[in-house]
Amino acid sequence: MPYIGRGIIFPFRLDSNGRIVITEDENLIVASIKSILSWPKYTKYFDMLFGSRIFDLTGEPNDRVLKSLVYEYTKEAISIYEPRVELLDCSLEYPTASTINLKLVYRIKASNIVSSINYPLYIS
């Protein structure tokens, strides 16, 4: 498998010797995408532009405009802060009136592996 990086995933995991586990597989990318989407833009002290603007949509009506904005903000954040992947699709499901499930389909550029993750977004 092509090299996609090494890093620590939050929350930290410890190995049997009590050391923090260093990850080198696709889980590193999944954790990165979740971190990007979980962090509101303009709130990270050392990188104010890091994160996603999807938090700006909290409290907005659950309609087609919201769906379009969630898609655009997600695509924007991932394209800027996760250069190892190409976002192929972002579909939205509405399990409740106050929840949107984002299903992100992406391709890892180094290996051409296509994968997906689900990310819940609570809008109320």
PDB file of N, CA and C in Angstrom:
ATOM      1  N   MET A   1       0.837  -1.185   0.000  1.00  0.00           N
ATOM      2  CA  MET A   1       0.000   0.000   0.000  1.00  0.00           C
ATOM      3  C   MET A   1       0.886   1.254   0.000  1.00  0.00           C
ATOM      4  N   PRO A   2       0.567   2.229  -0.840  1.00  0.00           N
ATOM      5  CA  PRO A   2       1.368   3.454  -0.868  1.00  0.00           C
ATOM      6  C   PRO A   2       1.333   4.186   0.468  1.00  0.00           C
ATOM      7  N   TYR A   3       2.379   4.902   0.723  1.00  0.00           N
ATOM      8  CA  TYR A   3       2.519   5.653   1.967  1.00  0.00           C
ATOM      9  C   TYR A   3       1.566   6.843   1.982  1.00  0.00           C
ATOM     10  N   ILE A   4       0.733   6.943   3.024  1.00  0.00           N
ATOM     11  CA  ILE A   4      -0.201   8.065   3.133  1.00  0.00           C
ATOM     12  C   ILE A   4       0.060   8.915   4.363  1.00  0.00           C
ATOM     13  N   GLY A   5       1.109   8.608   5.093  1.00  0.00           N
ATOM     14  CA  GLY A   5       1.466   9.412   6.248  1.00  0.00           C
ATOM     15  C   GLY A   5       1.453   8.625   7.542  1.00  0.00           C
ATOM     16  N   ARG A   6       1.918   9.287   8.580  1.00  0.00           N
ATOM     17  CA  ARG A   6       1.927   8.717   9.933  1.00  0.00           C
ATOM     18  C   ARG A   6       1.413   9.776  10.875  1.00  0.00           C
ATOM     19  N   GLY A   7       0.691   9.349  11.890  1.00  0.00           N
ATOM     20  CA  GLY A   7       0.218  10.330  12.843  1.00  0.00           C
ATOM     21  C   GLY A   7      -0.540   9.725  14.002  1.00  0.00           C
ATOM     22  N   ILE A   8      -0.952  10.599  14.874  1.00  0.00           N
ATOM     23  CA  ILE A   8      -1.699  10.230  16.070  1.00  0.00           C
ATOM     24  C   ILE A   8      -3.170  10.558  15.825  1.00  0.00           C
ATOM     25  N   ILE A   9      -4.027   9.635  16.210  1.00  0.00           N
ATOM     26  CA  ILE A   9      -5.469   9.837  16.072  1.00  0.00           C
ATOM     27  C   ILE A   9      -6.041  10.210  17.433  1.00  0.00           C
ATOM     28  N   PHE A  10      -6.908  11.202  17.419  1.00  0.00           N
ATOM     29  CA  PHE A  10      -7.589  11.606  18.649  1.00  0.00           C
ATOM     30  C   PHE A  10      -8.949  10.934  18.681  1.00  0.00           C
ATOM     31  N   PRO A  11      -9.430  10.382  19.765  1.00  0.00           N
ATOM     32  CA  PRO A  11      -8.756  10.322  21.057  1.00  0.00           C
ATOM     33  C   PRO A  11      -7.577   9.346  21.010  1.00  0.00           C
ATOM     34  N   PHE A  12      -6.547   9.669  21.760  1.00  0.00           N
ATOM     35  CA  PHE A  12      -5.340   8.870  21.772  1.00  0.00           C
ATOM     36  C   PHE A  12      -5.628   7.450  22.202  1.00  0.00           C
ATOM     37  N   ARG A  13      -4.926   6.507  21.567  1.00  0.00           N
ATOM     38  CA  ARG A  13      -4.978   5.100  21.980  1.00  0.00           C
ATOM     39  C   ARG A  13      -3.587   4.717  22.458  1.00  0.00           C
ATOM     40  N   LEU A  14      -3.550   3.858  23.452  1.00  0.00           N
ATOM     41  CA  LEU A  14      -2.272   3.407  23.996  1.00  0.00           C
ATOM     42  C   LEU A  14      -2.044   1.948  23.634  1.00  0.00           C
ATOM     43  N   ASP A  15      -0.770   1.600  23.356  1.00  0.00           N
ATOM     44  CA  ASP A  15      -0.447   0.201  23.094  1.00  0.00           C
ATOM     45  C   ASP A  15      -0.210  -0.525  24.414  1.00  0.00           C
ATOM     46  N   SER A  16       0.189  -1.767  24.339  1.00  0.00           N
ATOM     47  CA  SER A  16       0.378  -2.576  25.552  1.00  0.00           C
ATOM     48  C   SER A  16       1.501  -2.052  26.441  1.00  0.00           C
ATOM     49  N   ASN A  17       2.392  -1.225  25.905  1.00  0.00           N
ATOM     50  CA  ASN A  17       3.482  -0.641  26.689  1.00  0.00           C
ATOM     51  C   ASN A  17       3.141   0.746  27.216  1.00  0.00           C
ATOM     52  N   GLY A  18       1.919   1.200  26.960  1.00  0.00           N
ATOM     53  CA  GLY A  18       1.504   2.505  27.447  1.00  0.00           C
ATOM     54  C   GLY A  18       1.909   3.671  26.561  1.00  0.00           C
ATOM     55  N   ARG A  19       2.409   3.373  25.369  1.00  0.00           N
ATOM     56  CA  ARG A  19       2.796   4.428  24.435  1.00  0.00           C
ATOM     57  C   ARG A  19       1.636   4.762  23.502  1.00  0.00           C
ATOM     58  N   ILE A  20       1.597   5.999  23.019  1.00  0.00           N
ATOM     59  CA  ILE A  20       0.556   6.429  22.083  1.00  0.00           C
ATOM     60  C   ILE A  20       0.754   5.707  20.754  1.00  0.00           C
ATOM     61  N   VAL A  21      -0.335   5.170  20.213  1.00  0.00           N
ATOM     62  CA  VAL A  21      -0.292   4.431  18.953  1.00  0.00           C
ATOM     63  C   VAL A  21      -0.138   5.411  17.789  1.00  0.00           C
ATOM     64  N   ILE A  22       0.828   5.124  16.926  1.00  0.00           N
ATOM     65  CA  ILE A  22       1.045   5.896  15.698  1.00  0.00           C
ATOM     66  C   ILE A  22       0.349   5.133  14.570  1.00  0.00           C
ATOM     67  N   THR A  23      -0.496   5.827  13.821  1.00  0.00           N
ATOM     68  CA  THR A  23      -1.284   5.193  12.762  1.00  0.00           C
ATOM     69  C   THR A  23      -0.705   5.520  11.397  1.00  0.00           C
ATOM     70  N   GLU A  24      -0.736   4.541  10.483  1.00  0.00           N
ATOM     71  CA  GLU A  24      -0.205   4.736   9.137  1.00  0.00           C
ATOM     72  C   GLU A  24      -1.184   4.293   8.058  1.00  0.00           C
ATOM     73  N   ASP A  25      -2.420   4.016   8.377  1.00  0.00           N
ATOM     74  CA  ASP A  25      -3.342   3.492   7.379  1.00  0.00           C
ATOM     75  C   ASP A  25      -4.472   4.475   7.085  1.00  0.00           C
ATOM     76  N   GLU A  26      -5.506   3.988   6.427  1.00  0.00           N
ATOM     77  CA  GLU A  26      -6.634   4.828   6.034  1.00  0.00           C
ATOM     78  C   GLU A  26      -7.334   5.470   7.235  1.00  0.00           C
ATOM     79  N   ASN A  27      -7.221   4.875   8.404  1.00  0.00           N
ATOM     80  CA  ASN A  27      -7.837   5.457   9.605  1.00  0.00           C
ATOM     81  C   ASN A  27      -7.304   6.858   9.890  1.00  0.00           C
ATOM     82  N   LEU A  28      -6.084   7.124   9.482  1.00  0.00           N
ATOM     83  CA  LEU A  28      -5.496   8.451   9.652  1.00  0.00           C
ATOM     84  C   LEU A  28      -6.256   9.479   8.806  1.00  0.00           C
ATOM     85  N   ILE A  29      -6.625   9.096   7.596  1.00  0.00           N
ATOM     86  CA  ILE A  29      -7.393   9.988   6.720  1.00  0.00           C
ATOM     87  C   ILE A  29      -8.800  10.184   7.256  1.00  0.00           C
ATOM     88  N   VAL A  30      -9.434   9.122   7.703  1.00  0.00           N
ATOM     89  CA  VAL A  30     -10.789   9.214   8.265  1.00  0.00           C
ATOM     90  C   VAL A  30     -10.787  10.151   9.473  1.00  0.00           C
ATOM     91  N   ALA A  31      -9.815   9.996  10.350  1.00  0.00           N
ATOM     92  CA  ALA A  31      -9.718  10.869  11.526  1.00  0.00           C
ATOM     93  C   ALA A  31      -9.492  12.318  11.117  1.00  0.00           C
ATOM     94  N   SER A  32      -8.699  12.526  10.078  1.00  0.00           N
ATOM     95  CA  SER A  32      -8.436  13.879   9.595  1.00  0.00           C
ATOM     96  C   SER A  32      -9.711  14.523   9.055  1.00  0.00           C
ATOM     97  N   ILE A  33     -10.469  13.791   8.261  1.00  0.00           N
ATOM     98  CA  ILE A  33     -11.720  14.326   7.700  1.00  0.00           C
ATOM     99  C   ILE A  33     -12.700  14.650   8.820  1.00  0.00           C
ATOM    100  N   LYS A  34     -12.831  13.766   9.787  1.00  0.00           N
ATOM    101  CA  LYS A  34     -13.736  14.026  10.911  1.00  0.00           C
ATOM    102  C   LYS A  34     -13.280  15.242  11.711  1.00  0.00           C
ATOM    103  N   SER A  35     -11.984  15.402  11.881  1.00  0.00           N
ATOM    104  CA  SER A  35     -11.462  16.562  12.598  1.00  0.00           C
ATOM    105  C   SER A  35     -11.767  17.851  11.843  1.00  0.00           C
ATOM    106  N   ILE A  36     -11.581  17.832  10.549  1.00  0.00           N
ATOM    107  CA  ILE A  36     -11.859  19.013   9.721  1.00  0.00           C
ATOM    108  C   ILE A  36     -13.328  19.412   9.844  1.00  0.00           C
ATOM    109  N   LEU A  37     -14.214  18.426   9.740  1.00  0.00           N
ATOM    110  CA  LEU A  37     -15.649  18.723   9.777  1.00  0.00           C
ATOM    111  C   LEU A  37     -16.143  19.054  11.185  1.00  0.00           C
ATOM    112  N   SER A  38     -15.424  18.616  12.205  1.00  0.00           N
ATOM    113  CA  SER A  38     -15.845  18.844  13.596  1.00  0.00           C
ATOM    114  C   SER A  38     -15.367  20.175  14.151  1.00  0.00           C
ATOM    115  N   TRP A  39     -14.473  20.826  13.455  1.00  0.00           N
ATOM    116  CA  TRP A  39     -13.875  22.051  13.973  1.00  0.00           C
ATOM    117  C   TRP A  39     -14.487  23.262  13.273  1.00  0.00           C
ATOM    118  N   PRO A  40     -15.171  24.151  14.002  1.00  0.00           N
ATOM    119  CA  PRO A  40     -15.713  25.364  13.371  1.00  0.00           C
ATOM    120  C   PRO A  40     -14.586  26.273  12.881  1.00  0.00           C
ATOM    121  N   LYS A  41     -14.770  26.814  11.709  1.00  0.00           N
ATOM    122  CA  LYS A  41     -13.788  27.735  11.140  1.00  0.00           C
ATOM    123  C   LYS A  41     -13.620  28.944  12.060  1.00  0.00           C
ATOM    124  N   TYR A  42     -12.431  29.504  12.105  1.00  0.00           N
ATOM    125  CA  TYR A  42     -12.081  30.704  12.892  1.00  0.00           C
ATOM    126  C   TYR A  42     -12.012  30.448  14.396  1.00  0.00           C
ATOM    127  N   THR A  43     -11.889  29.197  14.828  1.00  0.00           N
ATOM    128  CA  THR A  43     -11.809  28.925  16.262  1.00  0.00           C
ATOM    129  C   THR A  43     -10.523  28.225  16.682  1.00  0.00           C
ATOM    130  N   LYS A  44      -9.709  27.773  15.750  1.00  0.00           N
ATOM    131  CA  LYS A  44      -8.449  27.110  16.105  1.00  0.00           C
ATOM    132  C   LYS A  44      -7.377  28.185  16.236  1.00  0.00           C
ATOM    133  N   TYR A  45      -6.803  28.296  17.395  1.00  0.00           N
ATOM    134  CA  TYR A  45      -5.930  29.412  17.740  1.00  0.00           C
ATOM    135  C   TYR A  45      -4.783  29.629  16.755  1.00  0.00           C
ATOM    136  N   PHE A  46      -4.048  28.579  16.398  1.00  0.00           N
ATOM    137  CA  PHE A  46      -2.869  28.752  15.563  1.00  0.00           C
ATOM    138  C   PHE A  46      -3.157  28.679  14.063  1.00  0.00           C
ATOM    139  N   ASP A  47      -4.372  28.299  13.691  1.00  0.00           N
ATOM    140  CA  ASP A  47      -4.767  28.254  12.281  1.00  0.00           C
ATOM    141  C   ASP A  47      -6.242  28.625  12.198  1.00  0.00           C
ATOM    142  N   MET A  48      -6.511  29.897  12.207  1.00  0.00           N
ATOM    143  CA  MET A  48      -7.891  30.389  12.277  1.00  0.00           C
ATOM    144  C   MET A  48      -8.745  29.957  11.089  1.00  0.00           C
ATOM    145  N   LEU A  49      -8.140  29.619   9.971  1.00  0.00           N
ATOM    146  CA  LEU A  49      -8.917  29.218   8.797  1.00  0.00           C
ATOM    147  C   LEU A  49      -9.216  27.723   8.759  1.00  0.00           C
ATOM    148  N   PHE A  50      -8.618  26.958   9.686  1.00  0.00           N
ATOM    149  CA  PHE A  50      -8.850  25.516   9.721  1.00  0.00           C
ATOM    150  C   PHE A  50     -10.287  25.220  10.112  1.00  0.00           C
ATOM    151  N   GLY A  51     -10.841  24.203   9.516  1.00  0.00           N
ATOM    152  CA  GLY A  51     -12.172  23.745   9.894  1.00  0.00           C
ATOM    153  C   GLY A  51     -13.166  23.888   8.772  1.00  0.00           C
ATOM    154  N   SER A  52     -14.426  23.841   9.153  1.00  0.00           N
ATOM    155  CA  SER A  52     -15.513  23.850   8.187  1.00  0.00           C
ATOM    156  C   SER A  52     -16.535  24.914   8.546  1.00  0.00           C
ATOM    157  N   ARG A  53     -17.187  25.428   7.530  1.00  0.00           N
ATOM    158  CA  ARG A  53     -18.219  26.436   7.751  1.00  0.00           C
ATOM    159  C   ARG A  53     -19.593  25.808   7.982  1.00  0.00           C
ATOM    160  N   ILE A  54     -19.678  24.486   8.092  1.00  0.00           N
ATOM    161  CA  ILE A  54     -20.995  23.870   8.282  1.00  0.00           C
ATOM    162  C   ILE A  54     -21.636  24.283   9.601  1.00  0.00           C
ATOM    163  N   PHE A  55     -20.829  24.711  10.569  1.00  0.00           N
ATOM    164  CA  PHE A  55     -21.403  25.158  11.844  1.00  0.00           C
ATOM    165  C   PHE A  55     -22.149  26.476  11.695  1.00  0.00           C
ATOM    166  N   ASP A  56     -21.850  27.226  10.641  1.00  0.00           N
ATOM    167  CA  ASP A  56     -22.581  28.463  10.373  1.00  0.00           C
ATOM    168  C   ASP A  56     -24.037  28.182  10.022  1.00  0.00           C
ATOM    169  N   LEU A  57     -24.340  26.932   9.697  1.00  0.00           N
ATOM    170  CA  LEU A  57     -25.679  26.567   9.245  1.00  0.00           C
ATOM    171  C   LEU A  57     -26.587  26.086  10.366  1.00  0.00           C
ATOM    172  N   THR A  58     -26.078  26.017  11.567  1.00  0.00           N
ATOM    173  CA  THR A  58     -26.890  25.565  12.698  1.00  0.00           C
ATOM    174  C   THR A  58     -28.100  26.472  12.864  1.00  0.00           C
ATOM    175  N   GLY A  59     -29.261  25.854  12.942  1.00  0.00           N
ATOM    176  CA  GLY A  59     -30.496  26.607  13.125  1.00  0.00           C
ATOM    177  C   GLY A  59     -31.160  27.032  11.829  1.00  0.00           C
ATOM    178  N   GLU A  60     -30.525  26.751  10.690  1.00  0.00           N
ATOM    179  CA  GLU A  60     -31.127  27.097   9.397  1.00  0.00           C
ATOM    180  C   GLU A  60     -32.224  26.095   9.056  1.00  0.00           C
ATOM    181  N   PRO A  61     -33.210  26.516   8.253  1.00  0.00           N
ATOM    182  CA  PRO A  61     -34.272  25.586   7.844  1.00  0.00           C
ATOM    183  C   PRO A  61     -33.692  24.406   7.065  1.00  0.00           C
ATOM    184  N   ASN A  62     -34.247  23.239   7.304  1.00  0.00           N
ATOM    185  CA  ASN A  62     -33.778  22.015   6.666  1.00  0.00           C
ATOM    186  C   ASN A  62     -34.417  21.910   5.281  1.00  0.00           C
ATOM    187  N   ASP A  63     -33.806  22.598   4.292  1.00  0.00           N
ATOM    188  CA  ASP A  63     -34.368  22.635   2.950  1.00  0.00           C
ATOM    189  C   ASP A  63     -33.269  22.432   1.907  1.00  0.00           C
ATOM    190  N   ARG A  64     -33.605  22.648   0.632  1.00  0.00           N
ATOM    191  CA  ARG A  64     -32.638  22.438  -0.448  1.00  0.00           C
ATOM    192  C   ARG A  64     -31.466  23.409  -0.375  1.00  0.00           C
ATOM    193  N   VAL A  65     -31.705  24.599   0.094  1.00  0.00           N
ATOM    194  CA  VAL A  65     -30.617  25.570   0.228  1.00  0.00           C
ATOM    195  C   VAL A  65     -29.604  25.059   1.253  1.00  0.00           C
ATOM    196  N   LEU A  66     -30.094  24.562   2.372  1.00  0.00           N
ATOM    197  CA  LEU A  66     -29.210  23.998   3.394  1.00  0.00           C
ATOM    198  C   LEU A  66     -28.414  22.829   2.813  1.00  0.00           C
ATOM    199  N   LYS A  67     -29.078  21.956   2.081  1.00  0.00           N
ATOM    200  CA  LYS A  67     -28.406  20.806   1.480  1.00  0.00           C
ATOM    201  C   LYS A  67     -27.270  21.263   0.568  1.00  0.00           C
ATOM    202  N   SER A  68     -27.518  22.264  -0.252  1.00  0.00           N
ATOM    203  CA  SER A  68     -26.487  22.781  -1.156  1.00  0.00           C
ATOM    204  C   SER A  68     -25.321  23.394  -0.395  1.00  0.00           C
ATOM    205  N   LEU A  69     -25.625  24.152   0.651  1.00  0.00           N
ATOM    206  CA  LEU A  69     -24.569  24.782   1.431  1.00  0.00           C
ATOM    207  C   LEU A  69     -23.729  23.758   2.187  1.00  0.00           C
ATOM    208  N   VAL A  70     -24.367  22.741   2.764  1.00  0.00           N
ATOM    209  CA  VAL A  70     -23.619  21.684   3.460  1.00  0.00           C
ATOM    210  C   VAL A  70     -22.664  21.016   2.475  1.00  0.00           C
ATOM    211  N   TYR A  71     -23.148  20.718   1.298  1.00  0.00           N
ATOM    212  CA  TYR A  71     -22.303  20.082   0.278  1.00  0.00           C
ATOM    213  C   TYR A  71     -21.114  20.979  -0.085  1.00  0.00           C
ATOM    214  N   GLU A  72     -21.380  22.241  -0.363  1.00  0.00           N
ATOM    215  CA  GLU A  72     -20.310  23.160  -0.762  1.00  0.00           C
ATOM    216  C   GLU A  72     -19.297  23.388   0.357  1.00  0.00           C
ATOM    217  N   TYR A  73     -19.769  23.573   1.584  1.00  0.00           N
ATOM    218  CA  TYR A  73     -18.860  23.807   2.710  1.00  0.00           C
ATOM    219  C   TYR A  73     -18.012  22.573   3.007  1.00  0.00           C
ATOM    220  N   THR A  74     -18.609  21.389   2.858  1.00  0.00           N
ATOM    221  CA  THR A  74     -17.868  20.148   3.079  1.00  0.00           C
ATOM    222  C   THR A  74     -16.801  19.974   2.010  1.00  0.00           C
ATOM    223  N   LYS A  75     -17.183  20.159   0.777  1.00  0.00           N
ATOM    224  CA  LYS A  75     -16.251  20.035  -0.343  1.00  0.00           C
ATOM    225  C   LYS A  75     -15.101  21.028  -0.205  1.00  0.00           C
ATOM    226  N   GLU A  76     -15.421  22.255   0.160  1.00  0.00           N
ATOM    227  CA  GLU A  76     -14.413  23.297   0.334  1.00  0.00           C
ATOM    228  C   GLU A  76     -13.402  22.913   1.416  1.00  0.00           C
ATOM    229  N   ALA A  77     -13.897  22.508   2.581  1.00  0.00           N
ATOM    230  CA  ALA A  77     -13.007  22.193   3.712  1.00  0.00           C
ATOM    231  C   ALA A  77     -12.110  21.000   3.414  1.00  0.00           C
ATOM    232  N   ILE A  78     -12.669  19.957   2.827  1.00  0.00           N
ATOM    233  CA  ILE A  78     -11.867  18.762   2.553  1.00  0.00           C
ATOM    234  C   ILE A  78     -10.843  19.037   1.451  1.00  0.00           C
ATOM    235  N   SER A  79     -11.223  19.790   0.440  1.00  0.00           N
ATOM    236  CA  SER A  79     -10.267  20.068  -0.640  1.00  0.00           C
ATOM    237  C   SER A  79      -9.098  20.923  -0.151  1.00  0.00           C
ATOM    238  N   ILE A  80      -9.336  21.789   0.824  1.00  0.00           N
ATOM    239  CA  ILE A  80      -8.270  22.640   1.345  1.00  0.00           C
ATOM    240  C   ILE A  80      -7.383  21.895   2.341  1.00  0.00           C
ATOM    241  N   TYR A  81      -7.987  21.156   3.269  1.00  0.00           N
ATOM    242  CA  TYR A  81      -7.233  20.616   4.410  1.00  0.00           C
ATOM    243  C   TYR A  81      -6.929  19.124   4.360  1.00  0.00           C
ATOM    244  N   GLU A  82      -7.412  18.416   3.350  1.00  0.00           N
ATOM    245  CA  GLU A  82      -7.056  16.999   3.226  1.00  0.00           C
ATOM    246  C   GLU A  82      -6.628  16.726   1.782  1.00  0.00           C
ATOM    247  N   PRO A  83      -5.385  17.125   1.441  1.00  0.00           N
ATOM    248  CA  PRO A  83      -4.922  16.991   0.062  1.00  0.00           C
ATOM    249  C   PRO A  83      -4.690  15.546  -0.379  1.00  0.00           C
ATOM    250  N   ARG A  84      -4.716  14.600   0.554  1.00  0.00           N
ATOM    251  CA  ARG A  84      -4.493  13.198   0.182  1.00  0.00           C
ATOM    252  C   ARG A  84      -5.708  12.560  -0.460  1.00  0.00           C
ATOM    253  N   VAL A  85      -6.864  13.245  -0.420  1.00  0.00           N
ATOM    254  CA  VAL A  85      -8.079  12.656  -0.978  1.00  0.00           C
ATOM    255  C   VAL A  85      -8.742  13.600  -1.972  1.00  0.00           C
ATOM    256  N   GLU A  86      -9.555  13.004  -2.820  1.00  0.00           N
ATOM    257  CA  GLU A  86     -10.429  13.748  -3.717  1.00  0.00           C
ATOM    258  C   GLU A  86     -11.852  13.377  -3.341  1.00  0.00           C
ATOM    259  N   LEU A  87     -12.659  14.363  -2.993  1.00  0.00           N
ATOM    260  CA  LEU A  87     -14.053  14.112  -2.635  1.00  0.00           C
ATOM    261  C   LEU A  87     -14.824  13.816  -3.911  1.00  0.00           C
ATOM    262  N   LEU A  88     -15.433  12.628  -3.975  1.00  0.00           N
ATOM    263  CA  LEU A  88     -16.182  12.220  -5.158  1.00  0.00           C
ATOM    264  C   LEU A  88     -17.669  12.506  -5.016  1.00  0.00           C
ATOM    265  N   ASP A  89     -18.194  12.351  -3.811  1.00  0.00           N
ATOM    266  CA  ASP A  89     -19.627  12.565  -3.613  1.00  0.00           C
ATOM    267  C   ASP A  89     -19.887  12.904  -2.156  1.00  0.00           C
ATOM    268  N   CYS A  90     -20.896  13.709  -1.958  1.00  0.00           N
ATOM    269  CA  CYS A  90     -21.362  14.047  -0.609  1.00  0.00           C
ATOM    270  C   CYS A  90     -22.880  13.978  -0.668  1.00  0.00           C
ATOM    271  N   SER A  91     -23.430  12.889  -0.161  1.00  0.00           N
ATOM    272  CA  SER A  91     -24.882  12.760  -0.163  1.00  0.00           C
ATOM    273  C   SER A  91     -25.403  12.996   1.247  1.00  0.00           C
ATOM    274  N   LEU A  92     -26.635  13.432   1.312  1.00  0.00           N
ATOM    275  CA  LEU A  92     -27.240  13.801   2.585  1.00  0.00           C
ATOM    276  C   LEU A  92     -28.482  12.968   2.838  1.00  0.00           C
ATOM    277  N   GLU A  93     -28.606  12.501   4.078  1.00  0.00           N
ATOM    278  CA  GLU A  93     -29.810  11.792   4.513  1.00  0.00           C
ATOM    279  C   GLU A  93     -30.372  12.547   5.703  1.00  0.00           C
ATOM    280  N   TYR A  94     -31.680  12.514   5.849  1.00  0.00           N
ATOM    281  CA  TYR A  94     -32.365  13.244   6.916  1.00  0.00           C
ATOM    282  C   TYR A  94     -33.107  12.268   7.824  1.00  0.00           C
ATOM    283  N   PRO A  95     -32.418  11.627   8.774  1.00  0.00           N
ATOM    284  CA  PRO A  95     -33.104  10.675   9.642  1.00  0.00           C
ATOM    285  C   PRO A  95     -34.112  11.337  10.589  1.00  0.00           C
ATOM    286  N   THR A  96     -33.829  12.574  10.998  1.00  0.00           N
ATOM    287  CA  THR A  96     -34.764  13.336  11.827  1.00  0.00           C
ATOM    288  C   THR A  96     -34.766  14.774  11.331  1.00  0.00           C
ATOM    289  N   ALA A  97     -35.687  15.561  11.829  1.00  0.00           N
ATOM    290  CA  ALA A  97     -35.775  16.959  11.405  1.00  0.00           C
ATOM    291  C   ALA A  97     -34.560  17.770  11.839  1.00  0.00           C
ATOM    292  N   SER A  98     -33.834  17.322  12.847  1.00  0.00           N
ATOM    293  CA  SER A  98     -32.700  18.085  13.356  1.00  0.00           C
ATOM    294  C   SER A  98     -31.345  17.438  13.064  1.00  0.00           C
ATOM    295  N   THR A  99     -31.326  16.394  12.234  1.00  0.00           N
ATOM    296  CA  THR A  99     -30.081  15.687  11.949  1.00  0.00           C
ATOM    297  C   THR A  99     -29.911  15.492  10.440  1.00  0.00           C
ATOM    298  N   ILE A 100     -28.704  15.714   9.990  1.00  0.00           N
ATOM    299  CA  ILE A 100     -28.330  15.379   8.616  1.00  0.00           C
ATOM    300  C   ILE A 100     -27.150  14.418   8.707  1.00  0.00           C
ATOM    301  N   ASN A 101     -27.249  13.296   8.021  1.00  0.00           N
ATOM    302  CA  ASN A 101     -26.117  12.389   7.921  1.00  0.00           C
ATOM    303  C   ASN A 101     -25.416  12.650   6.601  1.00  0.00           C
ATOM    304  N   LEU A 102     -24.155  13.022   6.681  1.00  0.00           N
ATOM    305  CA  LEU A 102     -23.350  13.222   5.486  1.00  0.00           C
ATOM    306  C   LEU A 102     -22.668  11.907   5.142  1.00  0.00           C
ATOM    307  N   LYS A 103     -22.856  11.447   3.934  1.00  0.00           N
ATOM    308  CA  LYS A 103     -22.112  10.282   3.462  1.00  0.00           C
ATOM    309  C   LYS A 103     -21.106  10.796   2.450  1.00  0.00           C
ATOM    310  N   LEU A 104     -19.844  10.719   2.825  1.00  0.00           N
ATOM    311  CA  LEU A 104     -18.765  11.232   1.986  1.00  0.00           C
ATOM    312  C   LEU A 104     -18.079  10.069   1.279  1.00  0.00           C
ATOM    313  N   VAL A 105     -17.998  10.146  -0.023  1.00  0.00           N
ATOM    314  CA  VAL A 105     -17.270   9.160  -0.817  1.00  0.00           C
ATOM    315  C   VAL A 105     -16.031   9.874  -1.348  1.00  0.00           C
ATOM    316  N   TYR A 106     -14.878   9.287  -1.110  1.00  0.00           N
ATOM    317  CA  TYR A 106     -13.623   9.923  -1.503  1.00  0.00           C
ATOM    318  C   TYR A 106     -12.661   8.888  -2.080  1.00  0.00           C
ATOM    319  N   ARG A 107     -11.688   9.391  -2.825  1.00  0.00           N
ATOM    320  CA  ARG A 107     -10.644   8.556  -3.397  1.00  0.00           C
ATOM    321  C   ARG A 107      -9.316   8.976  -2.803  1.00  0.00           C
ATOM    322  N   ILE A 108      -8.570   8.001  -2.282  1.00  0.00           N
ATOM    323  CA  ILE A 108      -7.226   8.275  -1.777  1.00  0.00           C
ATOM    324  C   ILE A 108      -6.309   8.388  -2.991  1.00  0.00           C
ATOM    325  N   LYS A 109      -5.702   9.545  -3.183  1.00  0.00           N
ATOM    326  CA  LYS A 109      -4.918   9.816  -4.384  1.00  0.00           C
ATOM    327  C   LYS A 109      -3.715   8.895  -4.546  1.00  0.00           C
ATOM    328  N   ALA A 110      -3.073   8.540  -3.445  1.00  0.00           N
ATOM    329  CA  ALA A 110      -1.851   7.733  -3.524  1.00  0.00           C
ATOM    330  C   ALA A 110      -2.116   6.299  -3.953  1.00  0.00           C
ATOM    331  N   SER A 111      -3.320   5.790  -3.695  1.00  0.00           N
ATOM    332  CA  SER A 111      -3.596   4.382  -3.980  1.00  0.00           C
ATOM    333  C   SER A 111      -4.803   4.162  -4.886  1.00  0.00           C
ATOM    334  N   ASN A 112      -5.550   5.217  -5.183  1.00  0.00           N
ATOM    335  CA  ASN A 112      -6.788   5.131  -5.969  1.00  0.00           C
ATOM    336  C   ASN A 112      -7.868   4.292  -5.292  1.00  0.00           C
ATOM    337  N   ILE A 113      -7.737   4.061  -4.006  1.00  0.00           N
ATOM    338  CA  ILE A 113      -8.769   3.342  -3.253  1.00  0.00           C
ATOM    339  C   ILE A 113      -9.926   4.288  -2.994  1.00  0.00           C
ATOM    340  N   VAL A 114     -11.148   3.829  -3.300  1.00  0.00           N
ATOM    341  CA  VAL A 114     -12.349   4.617  -3.044  1.00  0.00           C
ATOM    342  C   VAL A 114     -12.965   4.106  -1.749  1.00  0.00           C
ATOM    343  N   SER A 115     -13.297   5.026  -0.869  1.00  0.00           N
ATOM    344  CA  SER A 115     -13.864   4.666   0.427  1.00  0.00           C
ATOM    345  C   SER A 115     -14.931   5.687   0.804  1.00  0.00           C
ATOM    346  N   SER A 116     -15.608   5.432   1.911  1.00  0.00           N
ATOM    347  CA  SER A 116     -16.644   6.369   2.356  1.00  0.00           C
ATOM    348  C   SER A 116     -16.704   6.412   3.871  1.00  0.00           C
ATOM    349  N   ILE A 117     -17.227   7.512   4.378  1.00  0.00           N
ATOM    350  CA  ILE A 117     -17.493   7.636   5.804  1.00  0.00           C
ATOM    351  C   ILE A 117     -18.842   8.321   5.976  1.00  0.00           C
ATOM    352  N   ASN A 118     -19.453   8.081   7.105  1.00  0.00           N
ATOM    353  CA  ASN A 118     -20.692   8.759   7.480  1.00  0.00           C
ATOM    354  C   ASN A 118     -20.380   9.728   8.604  1.00  0.00           C
ATOM    355  N   TYR A 119     -20.920  10.927   8.489  1.00  0.00           N
ATOM    356  CA  TYR A 119     -20.673  11.957   9.494  1.00  0.00           C
ATOM    357  C   TYR A 119     -22.007  12.599   9.856  1.00  0.00           C
ATOM    358  N   PRO A 120     -22.438  12.496  11.116  1.00  0.00           N
ATOM    359  CA  PRO A 120     -23.713  13.120  11.523  1.00  0.00           C
ATOM    360  C   PRO A 120     -23.535  14.609  11.784  1.00  0.00           C
ATOM    361  N   LEU A 121     -24.477  15.389  11.334  1.00  0.00           N
ATOM    362  CA  LEU A 121     -24.482  16.823  11.548  1.00  0.00           C
ATOM    363  C   LEU A 121     -25.794  17.184  12.221  1.00  0.00           C
ATOM    364  N   TYR A 122     -25.717  17.756  13.424  1.00  0.00           N
ATOM    365  CA  TYR A 122     -26.896  18.127  14.182  1.00  0.00           C
ATOM    366  C   TYR A 122     -27.148  19.608  13.960  1.00  0.00           C
ATOM    367  N   ILE A 123     -28.319  19.949  13.421  1.00  0.00           N
ATOM    368  CA  ILE A 123     -28.553  21.311  12.974  1.00  0.00           C
ATOM    369  C   ILE A 123     -29.463  22.122  13.889  1.00  0.00           C
ATOM    370  N   SER A 124     -29.901  21.561  15.003  1.00  0.00           N
ATOM    371  CA  SER A 124     -30.724  22.382  15.895  1.00  0.00           C
ATOM    372  C   SER A 124     -30.129  22.421  17.290  1.00  0.00           C
TER     373      SER A 124
END
